Amino acid sequence: MPPAKKRTRTYDPARTRAAVLAQLGNVREAVRTLGPEQLALPTRLGDWTVRELVAHIGMAVTAVGRALDRPEPPRPQGTVLDWPFATAASAAAIDEFTRRLAERHPDLGAYLAEVEQSLGAQLDAHPGTRVLETNAGALPLADYLVTRTVELVVHTDDLNAAVPGLAVPQDRQALAAATRLLADALAVRAPGGSTEVRIPPYAVVQCVEGPRHTRGTPPNVVETDPLTWIRLASGRLTWADALADAKVSASGERADLGGLLPLMA
């Protein structure tokens, strides 16, 4: 786990809810168009096919319902910034659960439609303050939904990468929330103020130990676009490849983030 915390950014619960439902709807609509050959295509996620990837997207959303079905913890015990660093510990269980889901749901379009309907009903029934037991500790429902934007944005990008010609849109608010959460996680992993990381139009964070910049142009600046940042933070793209392909610009002796990425496994 990272050695330090930073003040957690606040997110508008209504916008987060709308973003999760919108991005899930985008995926559902795209999956309805996929045939057996496309569902059998490989992905960049080990030996998962597109079928397993789609099942996992459903699983990431139904995690909300599974948490709501468990007893409510007495109080929150962590923050949303703990979540990116907790994902690796669950990898084996997630893989097994995903494969079972893919086998049980041959009609993935229908499965995602059921997931979407169920999630809407659950969110109508529970306030955002309802505390959930999650893999990152006890979090309010509103905060846990922010983590679902990361899951949906990352795996939508995986889906687009796997299926030639597919272009599932990314909901703007979902992309914004995912970008900000992962940018803030970088600042937790490498606290400091010597380097400014810019991900326009959604996030700017200060990180990395060293002399703090106070005014004017920072001596160490990293800048990239939101999807490139998502790929770097989630391990879909290496720092070296992003630099080589001019997907990221980095200036200054403390602007090399290669040793800090990815943030999630």
Protein backbone atom coordinates (compact mmCIF):
# COMPACT_ATOMS: atom_id res chain seq x y z
CA MET A 1 0.00 0.00 0.00
CA PRO A 2 1.13 3.57 -0.55
CA PRO A 3 2.88 5.27 2.37
CA ALA A 4 0.69 8.35 2.65
CA LYS A 5 -2.80 9.69 2.11
CA LYS A 6 -4.07 12.86 0.51
CA ARG A 7 -7.36 14.64 0.95
CA THR A 8 -9.95 12.76 -1.02
CA ARG A 9 -11.65 14.55 -3.89
CA THR A 10 -15.42 14.75 -3.71
CA TYR A 11 -17.68 13.48 -6.50
CA ASP A 12 -21.26 14.41 -7.26
CA PRO A 13 -23.26 11.24 -6.42
CA ALA A 14 -26.00 11.92 -8.97
CA ARG A 15 -23.48 12.44 -11.77
CA THR A 16 -21.55 9.34 -10.79
CA ARG A 17 -24.70 7.24 -10.77
CA ALA A 18 -25.72 8.59 -14.16
CA ALA A 19 -22.23 7.95 -15.53
CA VAL A 20 -22.17 4.31 -14.40
CA LEU A 21 -25.58 3.61 -15.90
CA ALA A 22 -24.73 5.46 -19.12
CA GLN A 23 -21.46 3.60 -19.67
CA LEU A 24 -23.03 0.27 -18.85
CA GLY A 25 -25.72 1.10 -21.40
CA ASN A 26 -23.08 1.92 -24.01
CA VAL A 27 -21.47 -1.48 -23.49
CA ARG A 28 -24.81 -3.30 -23.52
CA GLU A 29 -25.80 -1.75 -26.82
CA ALA A 30 -22.47 -2.71 -28.40
CA VAL A 31 -22.54 -6.28 -27.08
CA ARG A 32 -25.95 -6.83 -28.74
CA THR A 33 -24.21 -6.45 -32.11
CA LEU A 34 -21.47 -9.02 -31.46
CA GLY A 35 -21.70 -12.47 -33.03
CA PRO A 36 -20.11 -15.75 -31.88
CA GLU A 37 -16.91 -15.14 -33.85
CA GLN A 38 -16.39 -11.74 -32.27
CA LEU A 39 -17.15 -13.07 -28.79
CA ALA A 40 -14.47 -15.72 -29.33
CA LEU A 41 -11.76 -13.17 -30.19
CA PRO A 42 -8.76 -12.87 -27.86
CA THR A 43 -8.28 -9.84 -25.64
CA ARG A 44 -5.24 -8.19 -24.07
CA LEU A 45 -6.26 -9.70 -20.72
CA GLY A 46 -4.33 -12.94 -20.64
CA ASP A 47 -6.35 -15.82 -22.08
CA TRP A 48 -9.74 -14.14 -21.69
CA THR A 49 -11.80 -13.95 -24.85
CA VAL A 50 -14.26 -11.15 -25.54
CA ARG A 51 -16.92 -13.36 -23.96
CA GLU A 52 -15.06 -13.45 -20.64
CA LEU A 53 -14.34 -9.73 -20.87
CA VAL A 54 -18.03 -8.89 -21.31
CA ALA A 55 -18.97 -11.22 -18.46
CA HIS A 56 -16.43 -9.46 -16.29
CA ILE A 57 -17.92 -6.05 -17.09
CA GLY A 58 -21.24 -7.37 -15.81
CA MET A 59 -19.53 -8.80 -12.76
CA ALA A 60 -17.87 -5.47 -11.96
CA VAL A 61 -21.28 -3.82 -11.85
CA THR A 62 -23.07 -6.57 -9.94
CA ALA A 63 -20.42 -6.16 -7.25
CA VAL A 64 -22.61 -3.30 -6.03
CA GLY A 65 -25.56 -5.64 -5.45
CA ARG A 66 -23.41 -8.31 -3.82
CA ALA A 67 -22.08 -5.71 -1.38
CA LEU A 68 -25.57 -4.40 -0.65
CA ASP A 69 -26.69 -7.95 0.19
CA ARG A 70 -24.09 -8.20 2.96
CA PRO A 71 -24.53 -6.66 6.42
CA GLU A 72 -23.73 -2.96 6.54
CA PRO A 73 -20.46 -2.12 8.32
CA PRO A 74 -20.88 0.35 11.18
CA ARG A 75 -18.83 3.05 9.49
CA PRO A 76 -16.48 3.70 6.56
CA GLN A 77 -12.94 2.52 7.25
CA GLY A 78 -11.08 3.73 4.18
CA THR A 79 -11.35 6.05 1.23
CA VAL A 80 -11.95 5.63 -2.47
CA LEU A 81 -8.20 6.17 -2.98
CA ASP A 82 -7.51 2.81 -1.33
CA TRP A 83 -9.31 0.97 -4.11
CA PRO A 84 -6.78 1.11 -7.01
CA PHE A 85 -4.13 -0.46 -4.81
CA ALA A 86 -6.41 -3.27 -3.60
CA THR A 87 -7.35 -4.73 -6.99
CA ALA A 88 -4.39 -7.10 -7.38
CA ALA A 89 -5.24 -9.14 -4.29
CA SER A 90 -8.53 -10.30 -5.81
CA ALA A 91 -7.21 -11.26 -9.25
CA ALA A 92 -7.45 -15.05 -8.90
CA ALA A 93 -10.97 -15.01 -7.45
CA ILE A 94 -12.11 -12.54 -10.10
CA ASP A 95 -10.78 -14.76 -12.89
CA GLU A 96 -12.62 -17.83 -11.58
CA PHE A 97 -15.88 -15.93 -11.02
CA THR A 98 -15.69 -14.37 -14.49
CA ARG A 99 -15.28 -17.73 -16.22
CA ARG A 100 -18.29 -19.16 -14.39
CA LEU A 101 -20.39 -16.17 -15.40
CA ALA A 102 -19.39 -16.49 -19.04
CA GLU A 103 -20.49 -20.13 -19.01
CA ARG A 104 -23.81 -19.41 -17.27
CA HIS A 105 -24.85 -16.56 -19.54
CA PRO A 106 -24.70 -17.51 -23.22
CA ASP A 107 -26.79 -14.44 -24.13
CA LEU A 108 -24.52 -11.69 -22.84
CA GLY A 109 -26.70 -8.90 -24.19
CA ALA A 110 -29.62 -10.14 -22.13
CA TYR A 111 -27.32 -10.58 -19.13
CA LEU A 112 -26.13 -6.97 -19.29
CA ALA A 113 -29.71 -5.74 -19.69
CA GLU A 114 -30.65 -7.58 -16.48
CA VAL A 115 -27.60 -6.15 -14.73
CA GLU A 116 -28.51 -2.63 -15.81
CA GLN A 117 -32.11 -2.94 -14.66
CA SER A 118 -31.09 -4.45 -11.33
CA LEU A 119 -28.49 -1.77 -10.67
CA GLY A 120 -30.98 1.02 -11.33
CA ALA A 121 -33.41 -0.50 -8.84
CA GLN A 122 -30.70 -0.97 -6.22
CA LEU A 123 -29.53 2.62 -6.52
CA ASP A 124 -33.13 3.83 -6.22
CA ALA A 125 -33.51 1.83 -3.01
CA HIS A 126 -30.33 2.84 -1.22
CA PRO A 127 -28.83 6.24 -0.36
CA GLY A 128 -25.27 7.06 -1.37
CA THR A 129 -24.32 7.10 2.31
CA ARG A 130 -25.07 3.38 2.67
CA VAL A 131 -21.77 1.74 3.72
CA LEU A 132 -20.56 -1.30 1.76
CA GLU A 133 -17.92 -3.88 2.59
CA THR A 134 -15.58 -3.89 -0.44
CA ASN A 135 -12.16 -5.22 -1.36
CA ALA A 136 -10.80 -1.81 -0.35
CA GLY A 137 -12.53 -1.74 3.02
CA ALA A 138 -15.82 -0.22 4.09
CA LEU A 139 -16.83 2.56 1.66
CA PRO A 140 -20.00 4.60 1.13
CA LEU A 141 -22.02 3.49 -1.88
CA ALA A 142 -21.46 6.85 -3.58
CA ASP A 143 -17.68 6.37 -3.36
CA TYR A 144 -17.80 2.76 -4.49
CA LEU A 145 -19.69 3.84 -7.61
CA VAL A 146 -16.69 6.01 -8.54
CA THR A 147 -14.60 2.83 -8.66
CA ARG A 148 -17.18 1.33 -11.02
CA THR A 149 -16.48 4.14 -13.49
CA VAL A 150 -12.85 2.98 -13.59
CA GLU A 151 -13.91 -0.61 -14.21
CA LEU A 152 -16.29 0.40 -16.98
CA VAL A 153 -13.95 2.84 -18.71
CA VAL A 154 -10.93 0.50 -18.58
CA HIS A 155 -12.86 -2.51 -19.85
CA THR A 156 -14.71 -0.55 -22.51
CA ASP A 157 -11.28 0.35 -23.85
CA ASP A 158 -10.28 -3.33 -23.65
CA LEU A 159 -13.39 -4.24 -25.63
CA ASN A 160 -12.69 -1.67 -28.33
CA ALA A 161 -9.12 -2.92 -28.59
CA ALA A 162 -10.24 -6.54 -28.98
CA VAL A 163 -12.94 -6.20 -31.64
CA PRO A 164 -11.87 -4.68 -34.96
CA GLY A 165 -14.14 -1.82 -35.97
CA LEU A 166 -15.91 -1.61 -32.62
CA ALA A 167 -16.07 1.89 -31.14
CA VAL A 168 -18.05 1.80 -27.91
CA PRO A 169 -18.29 5.42 -26.76
CA GLN A 170 -16.93 6.47 -23.38
CA ASP A 171 -19.39 8.51 -21.33
CA ARG A 172 -17.76 11.86 -20.61
CA GLN A 173 -18.61 11.89 -16.91
CA ALA A 174 -17.45 8.29 -16.45
CA LEU A 175 -14.16 9.09 -18.16
CA ALA A 176 -13.74 12.21 -16.03
CA ALA A 177 -14.33 10.35 -12.74
CA ALA A 178 -12.01 7.49 -13.69
CA THR A 179 -9.27 9.89 -14.77
CA ARG A 180 -9.49 11.91 -11.56
CA LEU A 181 -9.50 8.88 -9.27
CA LEU A 182 -6.41 7.40 -10.91
CA ALA A 183 -4.63 10.77 -11.00
CA ASP A 184 -5.25 11.21 -7.28
CA ALA A 185 -4.01 7.66 -6.70
CA LEU A 186 -0.71 8.62 -8.33
CA ALA A 187 -0.40 11.50 -5.87
CA VAL A 188 -0.96 9.02 -3.04
CA ARG A 189 1.67 6.63 -4.37
CA ALA A 190 4.24 9.41 -4.88
CA PRO A 191 3.38 12.27 -2.51
CA GLY A 192 5.12 15.57 -3.11
CA GLY A 193 4.95 18.72 -5.15
CA SER A 194 7.89 18.68 -7.53
CA THR A 195 6.03 17.31 -10.57
CA GLU A 196 2.79 18.44 -12.12
CA VAL A 197 0.76 15.84 -14.00
CA ARG A 198 -1.79 17.33 -16.38
CA ILE A 199 -4.60 15.29 -17.92
CA PRO A 200 -6.78 17.87 -19.61
CA PRO A 201 -9.60 18.58 -19.37
CA TYR A 202 -10.19 16.51 -16.23
CA ALA A 203 -7.30 16.51 -13.79
CA VAL A 204 -4.11 18.18 -12.60
CA VAL A 205 -2.18 16.76 -9.64
CA GLN A 206 1.10 17.49 -7.90
CA CYS A 207 3.26 14.53 -6.95
CA VAL A 208 6.85 13.23 -6.44
CA GLU A 209 9.14 14.35 -3.64
CA GLY A 210 11.46 17.26 -4.32
CA PRO A 211 11.46 21.05 -4.49
CA ARG A 212 7.89 22.34 -4.55
CA HIS A 213 6.95 24.65 -7.37
CA THR A 214 5.00 27.72 -6.23
CA ARG A 215 4.44 29.89 -9.30
CA GLY A 216 5.19 30.10 -12.98
CA THR A 217 5.86 27.07 -15.15
CA PRO A 218 6.66 23.98 -13.06
CA PRO A 219 10.16 22.54 -13.68
CA ASN A 220 8.74 19.03 -14.06
CA VAL A 221 5.63 18.54 -16.14
CA VAL A 222 3.86 15.45 -17.50
CA GLU A 223 0.90 15.83 -19.82
CA THR A 224 -1.28 13.30 -21.59
CA ASP A 225 -4.87 12.69 -22.64
CA PRO A 226 -7.44 10.87 -20.47
CA LEU A 227 -7.49 7.53 -22.30
CA THR A 228 -3.70 7.34 -22.46
CA TRP A 229 -3.62 8.05 -18.73
CA ILE A 230 -6.19 5.32 -18.07
CA ARG A 231 -4.07 2.87 -20.09
CA LEU A 232 -0.88 3.82 -18.25
CA ALA A 233 -2.48 3.61 -14.82
CA SER A 234 -4.14 0.25 -15.55
CA GLY A 235 -1.10 -1.36 -17.16
CA ARG A 236 -2.47 -1.44 -20.71
CA LEU A 237 0.34 0.82 -21.94
CA THR A 238 3.92 1.14 -20.73
CA TRP A 239 5.54 4.46 -19.96
CA ALA A 240 8.31 3.77 -22.50
CA ASP A 241 5.83 3.01 -25.28
CA ALA A 242 3.73 6.07 -24.47
CA LEU A 243 6.83 8.27 -24.74
CA ALA A 244 8.01 6.61 -27.92
CA ASP A 245 4.60 7.06 -29.56
CA ALA A 246 4.32 10.69 -28.35
CA LYS A 247 1.23 9.81 -26.34
CA VAL A 248 2.71 11.58 -23.33
CA SER A 249 5.04 14.54 -22.94
CA ALA A 250 7.43 14.70 -20.00
CA SER A 251 9.91 17.49 -19.20
CA GLY A 252 12.21 17.83 -16.23
CA GLU A 253 14.45 15.49 -14.27
CA ARG A 254 11.59 14.36 -12.01
CA ALA A 255 9.07 13.78 -14.81
CA ASP A 256 9.81 10.08 -15.36
CA LEU A 257 6.77 8.20 -13.99
CA GLY A 258 7.85 4.82 -15.35
CA GLY A 259 8.75 3.46 -11.94
CA LEU A 260 5.38 4.45 -10.45
CA LEU A 261 3.13 2.86 -13.06
CA PRO A 262 0.88 0.99 -13.36
CA LEU A 263 -1.20 1.86 -10.33
CA MET A 264 -3.53 -1.13 -10.73
CA ALA A 265 -2.76 -4.74 -11.58
